[in-house]
Amino acid sequence: MPKQGIYEGDVTLIKWIALEGATVHPGDPLFLMENEKVEVEIESEDSGILQRTEADGFVAPVGSVVGWLHSTQAEYDAAKAAS
């Protein structure tokens, strides 16, 4: 979960926007997250194939991993097979 300003408490992954296995590019919306004050759409900072590791409703501290961007289909397939 990305850091939003100086907020460092728990945040909630409200809803994934990008589909599992989708190819995303910088600026593409990935998911909605919220803390006690604001709801924010999080955009991709890089290109890759999205592997979502957490489901909608996941609550975690800022900085937690909720997904990975894989650079190749083979890398994505291997990661999915291992999970």
PDB file of N, CA and C in Angstrom:
ATOM      1  N   MET A   1       0.845  -1.172   0.000  1.00  0.00           N
ATOM      2  CA  MET A   1       0.000   0.000   0.000  1.00  0.00           C
ATOM      3  C   MET A   1       0.892   1.238   0.000  1.00  0.00           C
ATOM      4  N   PRO A   2       0.639   2.169  -0.892  1.00  0.00           N
ATOM      5  CA  PRO A   2       1.473   3.373  -0.945  1.00  0.00           C
ATOM      6  C   PRO A   2       1.208   4.306   0.224  1.00  0.00           C
ATOM      7  N   LYS A   3       2.208   5.059   0.579  1.00  0.00           N
ATOM      8  CA  LYS A   3       2.084   6.043   1.638  1.00  0.00           C
ATOM      9  C   LYS A   3       1.334   7.253   1.097  1.00  0.00           C
ATOM     10  N   GLN A   4       0.353   7.726   1.833  1.00  0.00           N
ATOM     11  CA  GLN A   4      -0.425   8.890   1.436  1.00  0.00           C
ATOM     12  C   GLN A   4      -0.102  10.042   2.377  1.00  0.00           C
ATOM     13  N   GLY A   5       0.723  10.978   1.915  1.00  0.00           N
ATOM     14  CA  GLY A   5       1.114  12.103   2.753  1.00  0.00           C
ATOM     15  C   GLY A   5       1.877  11.616   3.962  1.00  0.00           C
ATOM     16  N   ILE A   6       1.512  12.114   5.138  1.00  0.00           N
ATOM     17  CA  ILE A   6       2.202  11.710   6.355  1.00  0.00           C
ATOM     18  C   ILE A   6       1.447  10.613   7.102  1.00  0.00           C
ATOM     19  N   TYR A   7       0.341  10.144   6.545  1.00  0.00           N
ATOM     20  CA  TYR A   7      -0.470   9.105   7.187  1.00  0.00           C
ATOM     21  C   TYR A   7       0.301   7.797   7.233  1.00  0.00           C
ATOM     22  N   GLU A   8       0.333   7.156   8.406  1.00  0.00           N
ATOM     23  CA  GLU A   8       1.082   5.914   8.547  1.00  0.00           C
ATOM     24  C   GLU A   8       0.295   4.821   9.250  1.00  0.00           C
ATOM     25  N   GLY A   9      -1.029   4.981   9.370  1.00  0.00           N
ATOM     26  CA  GLY A   9      -1.847   3.956  10.012  1.00  0.00           C
ATOM     27  C   GLY A   9      -2.254   2.874   9.027  1.00  0.00           C
ATOM     28  N   ASP A  10      -3.273   2.094   9.403  1.00  0.00           N
ATOM     29  CA  ASP A  10      -3.794   1.061   8.517  1.00  0.00           C
ATOM     30  C   ASP A  10      -4.648   1.677   7.418  1.00  0.00           C
ATOM     31  N   VAL A  11      -4.635   1.027   6.276  1.00  0.00           N
ATOM     32  CA  VAL A  11      -5.477   1.415   5.147  1.00  0.00           C
ATOM     33  C   VAL A  11      -6.225   0.168   4.665  1.00  0.00           C
ATOM     34  N   THR A  12      -7.316   0.399   3.954  1.00  0.00           N
ATOM     35  CA  THR A  12      -8.129  -0.690   3.423  1.00  0.00           C
ATOM     36  C   THR A  12      -8.108  -0.669   1.910  1.00  0.00           C
ATOM     37  N   LEU A  13      -7.852  -1.821   1.311  1.00  0.00           N
ATOM     38  CA  LEU A  13      -7.976  -1.985  -0.129  1.00  0.00           C
ATOM     39  C   LEU A  13      -9.467  -2.175  -0.379  1.00  0.00           C
ATOM     40  N   ILE A  14     -10.127  -1.132  -0.855  1.00  0.00           N
ATOM     41  CA  ILE A  14     -11.580  -1.187  -1.028  1.00  0.00           C
ATOM     42  C   ILE A  14     -11.957  -2.078  -2.197  1.00  0.00           C
ATOM     43  N   LYS A  15     -11.336  -1.828  -3.356  1.00  0.00           N
ATOM     44  CA  LYS A  15     -11.738  -2.550  -4.555  1.00  0.00           C
ATOM     45  C   LYS A  15     -10.628  -2.510  -5.594  1.00  0.00           C
ATOM     46  N   TRP A  16     -10.325  -3.663  -6.171  1.00  0.00           N
ATOM     47  CA  TRP A  16      -9.408  -3.711  -7.296  1.00  0.00           C
ATOM     48  C   TRP A  16     -10.108  -3.155  -8.526  1.00  0.00           C
ATOM     49  N   ILE A  17      -9.388  -2.351  -9.293  1.00  0.00           N
ATOM     50  CA  ILE A  17      -9.898  -1.838 -10.565  1.00  0.00           C
ATOM     51  C   ILE A  17      -9.288  -2.659 -11.703  1.00  0.00           C
ATOM     52  N   ALA A  18      -7.979  -2.872 -11.648  1.00  0.00           N
ATOM     53  CA  ALA A  18      -7.278  -3.658 -12.670  1.00  0.00           C
ATOM     54  C   ALA A  18      -7.539  -5.144 -12.437  1.00  0.00           C
ATOM     55  N   LEU A  19      -7.716  -5.866 -13.511  1.00  0.00           N
ATOM     56  CA  LEU A  19      -7.996  -7.299 -13.427  1.00  0.00           C
ATOM     57  C   LEU A  19      -6.727  -8.105 -13.198  1.00  0.00           C
ATOM     58  N   GLU A  20      -6.873  -9.229 -12.526  1.00  0.00           N
ATOM     59  CA  GLU A  20      -5.772 -10.171 -12.354  1.00  0.00           C
ATOM     60  C   GLU A  20      -5.258 -10.571 -13.737  1.00  0.00           C
ATOM     61  N   GLY A  21      -3.942 -10.535 -13.921  1.00  0.00           N
ATOM     62  CA  GLY A  21      -3.335 -10.925 -15.188  1.00  0.00           C
ATOM     63  C   GLY A  21      -3.355  -9.851 -16.264  1.00  0.00           C
ATOM     64  N   ALA A  22      -3.886  -8.676 -15.938  1.00  0.00           N
ATOM     65  CA  ALA A  22      -3.946  -7.583 -16.920  1.00  0.00           C
ATOM     66  C   ALA A  22      -2.561  -6.960 -17.100  1.00  0.00           C
ATOM     67  N   THR A  23      -2.294  -6.500 -18.295  1.00  0.00           N
ATOM     68  CA  THR A  23      -1.082  -5.717 -18.543  1.00  0.00           C
ATOM     69  C   THR A  23      -1.419  -4.266 -18.241  1.00  0.00           C
ATOM     70  N   VAL A  24      -0.667  -3.674 -17.327  1.00  0.00           N
ATOM     71  CA  VAL A  24      -0.898  -2.282 -16.925  1.00  0.00           C
ATOM     72  C   VAL A  24       0.316  -1.439 -17.281  1.00  0.00           C
ATOM     73  N   HIS A  25       0.079  -0.142 -17.362  1.00  0.00           N
ATOM     74  CA  HIS A  25       1.111   0.826 -17.721  1.00  0.00           C
ATOM     75  C   HIS A  25       1.086   1.977 -16.724  1.00  0.00           C
ATOM     76  N   PRO A  26       2.155   2.774 -16.668  1.00  0.00           N
ATOM     77  CA  PRO A  26       2.159   3.913 -15.740  1.00  0.00           C
ATOM     78  C   PRO A  26       0.910   4.780 -15.920  1.00  0.00           C
ATOM     79  N   GLY A  27       0.288   5.087 -14.800  1.00  0.00           N
ATOM     80  CA  GLY A  27      -0.911   5.920 -14.802  1.00  0.00           C
ATOM     81  C   GLY A  27      -2.213   5.144 -14.841  1.00  0.00           C
ATOM     82  N   ASP A  28      -2.158   3.840 -15.147  1.00  0.00           N
ATOM     83  CA  ASP A  28      -3.384   3.032 -15.143  1.00  0.00           C
ATOM     84  C   ASP A  28      -3.872   2.849 -13.709  1.00  0.00           C
ATOM     85  N   PRO A  29      -5.184   2.952 -13.471  1.00  0.00           N
ATOM     86  CA  PRO A  29      -5.698   2.727 -12.118  1.00  0.00           C
ATOM     87  C   PRO A  29      -5.581   1.261 -11.731  1.00  0.00           C
ATOM     88  N   LEU A  30      -5.098   1.014 -10.497  1.00  0.00           N
ATOM     89  CA  LEU A  30      -4.953  -0.352  -9.993  1.00  0.00           C
ATOM     90  C   LEU A  30      -6.050  -0.713  -8.994  1.00  0.00           C
ATOM     91  N   PHE A  31      -6.222   0.132  -7.969  1.00  0.00           N
ATOM     92  CA  PHE A  31      -7.204  -0.168  -6.926  1.00  0.00           C
ATOM     93  C   PHE A  31      -7.589   1.095  -6.177  1.00  0.00           C
ATOM     94  N   LEU A  32      -8.677   0.991  -5.408  1.00  0.00           N
ATOM     95  CA  LEU A  32      -9.104   2.059  -4.503  1.00  0.00           C
ATOM     96  C   LEU A  32      -8.697   1.666  -3.099  1.00  0.00           C
ATOM     97  N   MET A  33      -8.148   2.612  -2.355  1.00  0.00           N
ATOM     98  CA  MET A  33      -7.820   2.378  -0.947  1.00  0.00           C
ATOM     99  C   MET A  33      -8.381   3.525  -0.126  1.00  0.00           C
ATOM    100  N   GLU A  34      -8.564   3.268   1.152  1.00  0.00           N
ATOM    101  CA  GLU A  34      -9.061   4.332   2.033  1.00  0.00           C
ATOM    102  C   GLU A  34      -8.415   4.215   3.398  1.00  0.00           C
ATOM    103  N   ASN A  35      -8.316   5.382   4.042  1.00  0.00           N
ATOM    104  CA  ASN A  35      -7.985   5.412   5.456  1.00  0.00           C
ATOM    105  C   ASN A  35      -9.160   6.084   6.141  1.00  0.00           C
ATOM    106  N   GLU A  36      -9.012   6.489   7.378  1.00  0.00           N
ATOM    107  CA  GLU A  36     -10.159   7.062   8.081  1.00  0.00           C
ATOM    108  C   GLU A  36     -10.585   8.431   7.543  1.00  0.00           C
ATOM    109  N   LYS A  37      -9.769   9.038   6.676  1.00  0.00           N
ATOM    110  CA  LYS A  37     -10.076  10.388   6.206  1.00  0.00           C
ATOM    111  C   LYS A  37     -10.364  10.502   4.716  1.00  0.00           C
ATOM    112  N   VAL A  38      -9.825   9.606   3.895  1.00  0.00           N
ATOM    113  CA  VAL A  38      -9.901   9.815   2.450  1.00  0.00           C
ATOM    114  C   VAL A  38      -9.916   8.486   1.690  1.00  0.00           C
ATOM    115  N   GLU A  39     -10.563   8.498   0.529  1.00  0.00           N
ATOM    116  CA  GLU A  39     -10.529   7.379  -0.410  1.00  0.00           C
ATOM    117  C   GLU A  39      -9.688   7.826  -1.603  1.00  0.00           C
ATOM    118  N   VAL A  40      -8.753   6.976  -2.036  1.00  0.00           N
ATOM    119  CA  VAL A  40      -7.803   7.354  -3.080  1.00  0.00           C
ATOM    120  C   VAL A  40      -7.701   6.251  -4.119  1.00  0.00           C
ATOM    121  N   GLU A  41      -7.674   6.653  -5.397  1.00  0.00           N
ATOM    122  CA  GLU A  41      -7.409   5.703  -6.475  1.00  0.00           C
ATOM    123  C   GLU A  41      -5.901   5.612  -6.664  1.00  0.00           C
ATOM    124  N   ILE A  42      -5.358   4.401  -6.601  1.00  0.00           N
ATOM    125  CA  ILE A  42      -3.922   4.195  -6.733  1.00  0.00           C
ATOM    126  C   ILE A  42      -3.613   3.774  -8.164  1.00  0.00           C
ATOM    127  N   GLU A  43      -2.653   4.474  -8.765  1.00  0.00           N
ATOM    128  CA  GLU A  43      -2.268   4.211 -10.143  1.00  0.00           C
ATOM    129  C   GLU A  43      -0.948   3.451 -10.192  1.00  0.00           C
ATOM    130  N   SER A  44      -0.761   2.727 -11.285  1.00  0.00           N
ATOM    131  CA  SER A  44       0.487   2.009 -11.499  1.00  0.00           C
ATOM    132  C   SER A  44       1.613   3.005 -11.745  1.00  0.00           C
ATOM    133  N   GLU A  45       2.774   2.698 -11.196  1.00  0.00           N
ATOM    134  CA  GLU A  45       3.958   3.527 -11.422  1.00  0.00           C
ATOM    135  C   GLU A  45       4.872   2.909 -12.469  1.00  0.00           C
ATOM    136  N   ASP A  46       4.515   1.699 -12.937  1.00  0.00           N
ATOM    137  CA  ASP A  46       5.369   0.967 -13.873  1.00  0.00           C
ATOM    138  C   ASP A  46       4.488   0.126 -14.780  1.00  0.00           C
ATOM    139  N   SER A  47       5.096  -0.508 -15.763  1.00  0.00           N
ATOM    140  CA  SER A  47       4.392  -1.423 -16.651  1.00  0.00           C
ATOM    141  C   SER A  47       4.639  -2.858 -16.216  1.00  0.00           C
ATOM    142  N   GLY A  48       3.665  -3.723 -16.460  1.00  0.00           N
ATOM    143  CA  GLY A  48       3.839  -5.126 -16.162  1.00  0.00           C
ATOM    144  C   GLY A  48       2.520  -5.868 -16.149  1.00  0.00           C
ATOM    145  N   ILE A  49       2.589  -7.142 -15.826  1.00  0.00           N
ATOM    146  CA  ILE A  49       1.412  -8.001 -15.728  1.00  0.00           C
ATOM    147  C   ILE A  49       1.066  -8.123 -14.248  1.00  0.00           C
ATOM    148  N   LEU A  50      -0.163  -7.763 -13.901  1.00  0.00           N
ATOM    149  CA  LEU A  50      -0.580  -7.668 -12.502  1.00  0.00           C
ATOM    150  C   LEU A  50      -0.915  -9.023 -11.894  1.00  0.00           C
ATOM    151  N   GLN A  51      -0.273  -9.299 -10.762  1.00  0.00           N
ATOM    152  CA  GLN A  51      -0.634 -10.433  -9.914  1.00  0.00           C
ATOM    153  C   GLN A  51      -1.153  -9.854  -8.608  1.00  0.00           C
ATOM    154  N   ARG A  52      -2.441  -9.999  -8.369  1.00  0.00           N
ATOM    155  CA  ARG A  52      -3.033  -9.507  -7.123  1.00  0.00           C
ATOM    156  C   ARG A  52      -2.796 -10.539  -6.031  1.00  0.00           C
ATOM    157  N   THR A  53      -2.250 -10.110  -4.888  1.00  0.00           N
ATOM    158  CA  THR A  53      -1.975 -11.039  -3.796  1.00  0.00           C
ATOM    159  C   THR A  53      -2.930 -10.877  -2.623  1.00  0.00           C
ATOM    160  N   GLU A  54      -3.715  -9.825  -2.626  1.00  0.00           N
ATOM    161  CA  GLU A  54      -4.696  -9.591  -1.561  1.00  0.00           C
ATOM    162  C   GLU A  54      -6.048  -9.269  -2.182  1.00  0.00           C
ATOM    163  N   ALA A  55      -7.103  -9.585  -1.465  1.00  0.00           N
ATOM    164  CA  ALA A  55      -8.462  -9.404  -1.964  1.00  0.00           C
ATOM    165  C   ALA A  55      -9.051  -8.065  -1.516  1.00  0.00           C
ATOM    166  N   ASP A  56     -10.163  -7.698  -2.161  1.00  0.00           N
ATOM    167  CA  ASP A  56     -10.924  -6.532  -1.726  1.00  0.00           C
ATOM    168  C   ASP A  56     -11.208  -6.650  -0.231  1.00  0.00           C
ATOM    169  N   GLY A  57     -11.117  -5.535   0.479  1.00  0.00           N
ATOM    170  CA  GLY A  57     -11.383  -5.522   1.912  1.00  0.00           C
ATOM    171  C   GLY A  57     -10.160  -5.757   2.781  1.00  0.00           C
ATOM    172  N   PHE A  58      -9.010  -6.059   2.166  1.00  0.00           N
ATOM    173  CA  PHE A  58      -7.775  -6.304   2.913  1.00  0.00           C
ATOM    174  C   PHE A  58      -7.377  -5.051   3.679  1.00  0.00           C
ATOM    175  N   VAL A  59      -7.094  -5.189   4.974  1.00  0.00           N
ATOM    176  CA  VAL A  59      -6.658  -4.081   5.835  1.00  0.00           C
ATOM    177  C   VAL A  59      -5.211  -4.338   6.232  1.00  0.00           C
ATOM    178  N   ALA A  60      -4.368  -3.320   6.039  1.00  0.00           N
ATOM    179  CA  ALA A  60      -2.939  -3.501   6.313  1.00  0.00           C
ATOM    180  C   ALA A  60      -2.276  -2.158   6.571  1.00  0.00           C
ATOM    181  N   PRO A  61      -1.080  -2.184   7.177  1.00  0.00           N
ATOM    182  CA  PRO A  61      -0.327  -0.947   7.351  1.00  0.00           C
ATOM    183  C   PRO A  61       0.138  -0.404   6.002  1.00  0.00           C
ATOM    184  N   VAL A  62       0.309   0.896   5.942  1.00  0.00           N
ATOM    185  CA  VAL A  62       0.891   1.526   4.762  1.00  0.00           C
ATOM    186  C   VAL A  62       2.225   0.849   4.473  1.00  0.00           C
ATOM    187  N   GLY A  63       2.494   0.562   3.205  1.00  0.00           N
ATOM    188  CA  GLY A  63       3.733  -0.087   2.809  1.00  0.00           C
ATOM    189  C   GLY A  63       3.606  -1.587   2.585  1.00  0.00           C
ATOM    190  N   SER A  64       2.436  -2.159   2.920  1.00  0.00           N
ATOM    191  CA  SER A  64       2.220  -3.591   2.709  1.00  0.00           C
ATOM    192  C   SER A  64       2.100  -3.918   1.220  1.00  0.00           C
ATOM    193  N   VAL A  65       2.516  -5.108   0.849  1.00  0.00           N
ATOM    194  CA  VAL A  65       2.415  -5.571  -0.537  1.00  0.00           C
ATOM    195  C   VAL A  65       1.018  -6.137  -0.773  1.00  0.00           C
ATOM    196  N   VAL A  66       0.354  -5.666  -1.838  1.00  0.00           N
ATOM    197  CA  VAL A  66      -0.966  -6.189  -2.206  1.00  0.00           C
ATOM    198  C   VAL A  66      -0.952  -6.797  -3.602  1.00  0.00           C
ATOM    199  N   GLY A  67       0.167  -6.681  -4.297  1.00  0.00           N
ATOM    200  CA  GLY A  67       0.273  -7.262  -5.624  1.00  0.00           C
ATOM    201  C   GLY A  67       1.664  -7.049  -6.192  1.00  0.00           C
ATOM    202  N   TRP A  68       1.912  -7.720  -7.321  1.00  0.00           N
ATOM    203  CA  TRP A  68       3.201  -7.619  -8.002  1.00  0.00           C
ATOM    204  C   TRP A  68       2.980  -7.299  -9.468  1.00  0.00           C
ATOM    205  N   LEU A  69       3.935  -6.601 -10.067  1.00  0.00           N
ATOM    206  CA  LEU A  69       3.956  -6.406 -11.512  1.00  0.00           C
ATOM    207  C   LEU A  69       5.098  -7.235 -12.075  1.00  0.00           C
ATOM    208  N   HIS A  70       4.768  -8.172 -12.939  1.00  0.00           N
ATOM    209  CA  HIS A  70       5.763  -9.047 -13.558  1.00  0.00           C
ATOM    210  C   HIS A  70       6.092  -8.525 -14.951  1.00  0.00           C
ATOM    211  N   SER A  71       7.349  -8.628 -15.327  1.00  0.00           N
ATOM    212  CA  SER A  71       7.793  -8.061 -16.601  1.00  0.00           C
ATOM    213  C   SER A  71       7.489  -8.944 -17.806  1.00  0.00           C
ATOM    214  N   THR A  72       7.278 -10.242 -17.585  1.00  0.00           N
ATOM    215  CA  THR A  72       6.980 -11.145 -18.699  1.00  0.00           C
ATOM    216  C   THR A  72       5.838 -12.086 -18.320  1.00  0.00           C
ATOM    217  N   GLN A  73       5.209 -12.661 -19.340  1.00  0.00           N
ATOM    218  CA  GLN A  73       4.146 -13.637 -19.098  1.00  0.00           C
ATOM    219  C   GLN A  73       4.697 -14.870 -18.394  1.00  0.00           C
ATOM    220  N   ALA A  74       5.904 -15.285 -18.776  1.00  0.00           N
ATOM    221  CA  ALA A  74       6.525 -16.458 -18.153  1.00  0.00           C
ATOM    222  C   ALA A  74       6.758 -16.218 -16.657  1.00  0.00           C
ATOM    223  N   GLU A  75       7.209 -15.026 -16.301  1.00  0.00           N
ATOM    224  CA  GLU A  75       7.427 -14.683 -14.890  1.00  0.00           C
ATOM    225  C   GLU A  75       6.105 -14.701 -14.126  1.00  0.00           C
ATOM    226  N   TYR A  76       5.063 -14.125 -14.725  1.00  0.00           N
ATOM    227  CA  TYR A  76       3.733 -14.120 -14.109  1.00  0.00           C
ATOM    228  C   TYR A  76       3.231 -15.552 -13.915  1.00  0.00           C
ATOM    229  N   ASP A  77       3.332 -16.371 -14.969  1.00  0.00           N
ATOM    230  CA  ASP A  77       2.861 -17.762 -14.896  1.00  0.00           C
ATOM    231  C   ASP A  77       3.575 -18.538 -13.804  1.00  0.00           C
ATOM    232  N   ALA A  78       4.894 -18.354 -13.681  1.00  0.00           N
ATOM    233  CA  ALA A  78       5.679 -19.047 -12.658  1.00  0.00           C
ATOM    234  C   ALA A  78       5.254 -18.596 -11.259  1.00  0.00           C
ATOM    235  N   ALA A  79       5.027 -17.303 -11.081  1.00  0.00           N
ATOM    236  CA  ALA A  79       4.616 -16.784  -9.778  1.00  0.00           C
ATOM    237  C   ALA A  79       3.234 -17.307  -9.402  1.00  0.00           C
ATOM    238  N   LYS A  80       2.312 -17.365 -10.357  1.00  0.00           N
ATOM    239  CA  LYS A  80       0.979 -17.876 -10.086  1.00  0.00           C
ATOM    240  C   LYS A  80       1.036 -19.361  -9.723  1.00  0.00           C
ATOM    241  N   ALA A  81       1.872 -20.116 -10.427  1.00  0.00           N
ATOM    242  CA  ALA A  81       2.000 -21.550 -10.151  1.00  0.00           C
ATOM    243  C   ALA A  81       2.577 -21.806  -8.762  1.00  0.00           C
ATOM    244  N   ALA A  82       3.438 -20.912  -8.301  1.00  0.00           N
ATOM    245  CA  ALA A  82       4.080 -21.067  -6.991  1.00  0.00           C
ATOM    246  C   ALA A  82       3.188 -20.620  -5.839  1.00  0.00           C
ATOM    247  N   SER A  83       2.135 -19.848  -6.133  1.00  0.00           N
ATOM    248  CA  SER A  83       1.290 -19.337  -5.047  1.00  0.00           C
ATOM    249  C   SER A  83       0.116 -20.235  -4.731  1.00  0.00           C
TER     250      SER A  83
END
